[in-house]
Amino acid sequence: MSAPKLDQSTNSTKKLQPRVKYKRRKRRKSNRGRNIFLGFALTTVSMISAAAGALLAITFSESSMLQQAKLSLEEEQVFSQEETVEHSSLSIPELSRPVNILVLGIKVLTSDLTAAELKDQVIPEDLGYHALVNSFKGLSDTMLLVRFDPAQEKLTVLSIPRDTRTYIDGYGFSKINHANYYGGPALTASTVSEMLGGVEIDRYVRVNVQGVEKLIDALGGVVVDVPKDMKYNDFSQHFYVDLKKGTQHLDGEKAVQFLRFRYDGLGDIARVQRQQMLMRSVVEQALRPATIVKIPKLLDVVKSHLDTNLTVKELMALSSFAAKTERSDVQMIMLPGDFNNPTEKVSYWLPDDHRIEQVVTQHFDAYPESYGSLDTRENSRIRIAIQNTLENDRPAKRLLAALKKAGYTRAYISNGLSDTLDVTKIIAQAGDDITAKKLRAQLGIGEVLVESTGVLNSDITIKVGQDWEDYLAIDELSILSNDQ
């Protein structure tokens, strides 16, 4: 298939009109100065991550593992037995290959456990409501497949909605969050692997709700942009949500409210989007050097709420890798799919097998024979949603006109956002970073993010920021000066 044409040109990176490059207000520093600073920063971060690794090794010996589940030999074989780390010249373990880790967030109530299982829990008698307990035997409230890729220096997070309909071996078709309840991490890993076309899963991590709350508190809280007012009361669980719209600092309890809230029109899918918003904020905070050195303390805080088959060496290697990961290299995707018919009794998220193949091809190195075909999508097939963050709606309309002229006939303006962005965000909503980067090259401005926080049914969501309005203003001044 030939390359898509832009303005009757075969150059796929030709800029959309207007063509005047956006001029930054501040003068850029020289490359030499920048490189010296970058080298110093990387060296500092490497030293801090090495220190964190050493502290981690001291805090957790090989004999004091964090694995709490007892897996049979057959269950252990579900996870890769191949070595994942190697020692550098500094004797700090480093990842030797890409590693896929299944992360499960578990919520277990007293009503989910038998009387025998509750004997191990410290629960007051005659509690009168369904309380959270420190257990891993319930449904998975959150499911992520995280890929640490040292070759591409990239960290990818695939969010799998809890209502995803899939086949669970021995139990038939069900919601994927039941897999942990039926057979723990091994059955969940094999179910996810099968659904993704055989993607290998190396390790697992399970953490329950109490652990998430303690982790956020240990980090000192997290700053999140709450997209709307959230209010909900569940007296049977003593679970209450009361959050106001806007950017704010959340402690552990408020962060869990933000994560668990799912009582709006999109249900669990909107919650996945909010989870990614929170994860982005947590990652940005956790990758700070001052936080990395606290890793042993953080693990000590949450270890009773954590179950994983990661080794201490692997934890050290992962922390070292995370310390050197740039914000733009953290990519977050949601499992492609759609809602089932709302008239059906049970609500499901139905996986889209074709789009899942595209995601795992681009981000998990599966179906390598298909990768070349991903760069040939015609502009007319790409769904682009435009969200305006400015008081003036004219820049968004100008962007729509430019996209239409370039052949993006499925572009449209969606609901605007309340918080003004300084920099336009080009969001690869469906994980298609190839198309997002091509758009970035054509527009000449903006920041590409791979995450699912845009418009649900779009391929690309463009959140129009102040830089695009400045871009247009410069172009109009250029036209005026040429007319004189």
Foldseek 3Di string as FASTA:
>chain_A
DQAAFFLNHSPLLAAFPPPDFFDDPDDDDDPVVVVVVVVVLLVVLLVLLQLLLVVLCVLAPQVRDLADDDDDPVLLVLADPDDQWDADPVRAIAGPFKAKEKEFEDWDWPVNDDPVVCVVWDDDPPPPATETTLDQQHFGQWIWIWICGPVVLFIEIETEFQQAWFQQPPPGTGRLRCQCNVPRPSSSSVRVCVLLPRQHHHKYKYFYLVLQLQLCVVLVFWKFQAQAFDFDADPRHRQTAGDHGGIDTDHSNNVSSLLNDQPDDVGRVVSQLSVVRRVLRVLVSCLPSVNLSCVSVSCVRRSSRMHMPDGSSRVSNVSSSSNPRDSQRYAYAYQDFDWDPPVDPGTHTYGDNVLSNVQCVVPVVPPVVCPVVLLRDHLCVFAEEEAEQDPDCVLVVVVVVSSVSRPNVNYDYDYHGPHADAFKEKEQQHQSVSVSVSNCSNNNGGRYHRHNNADNPGRIYIYDHPSSVSVVVVSVVVVVVVVD
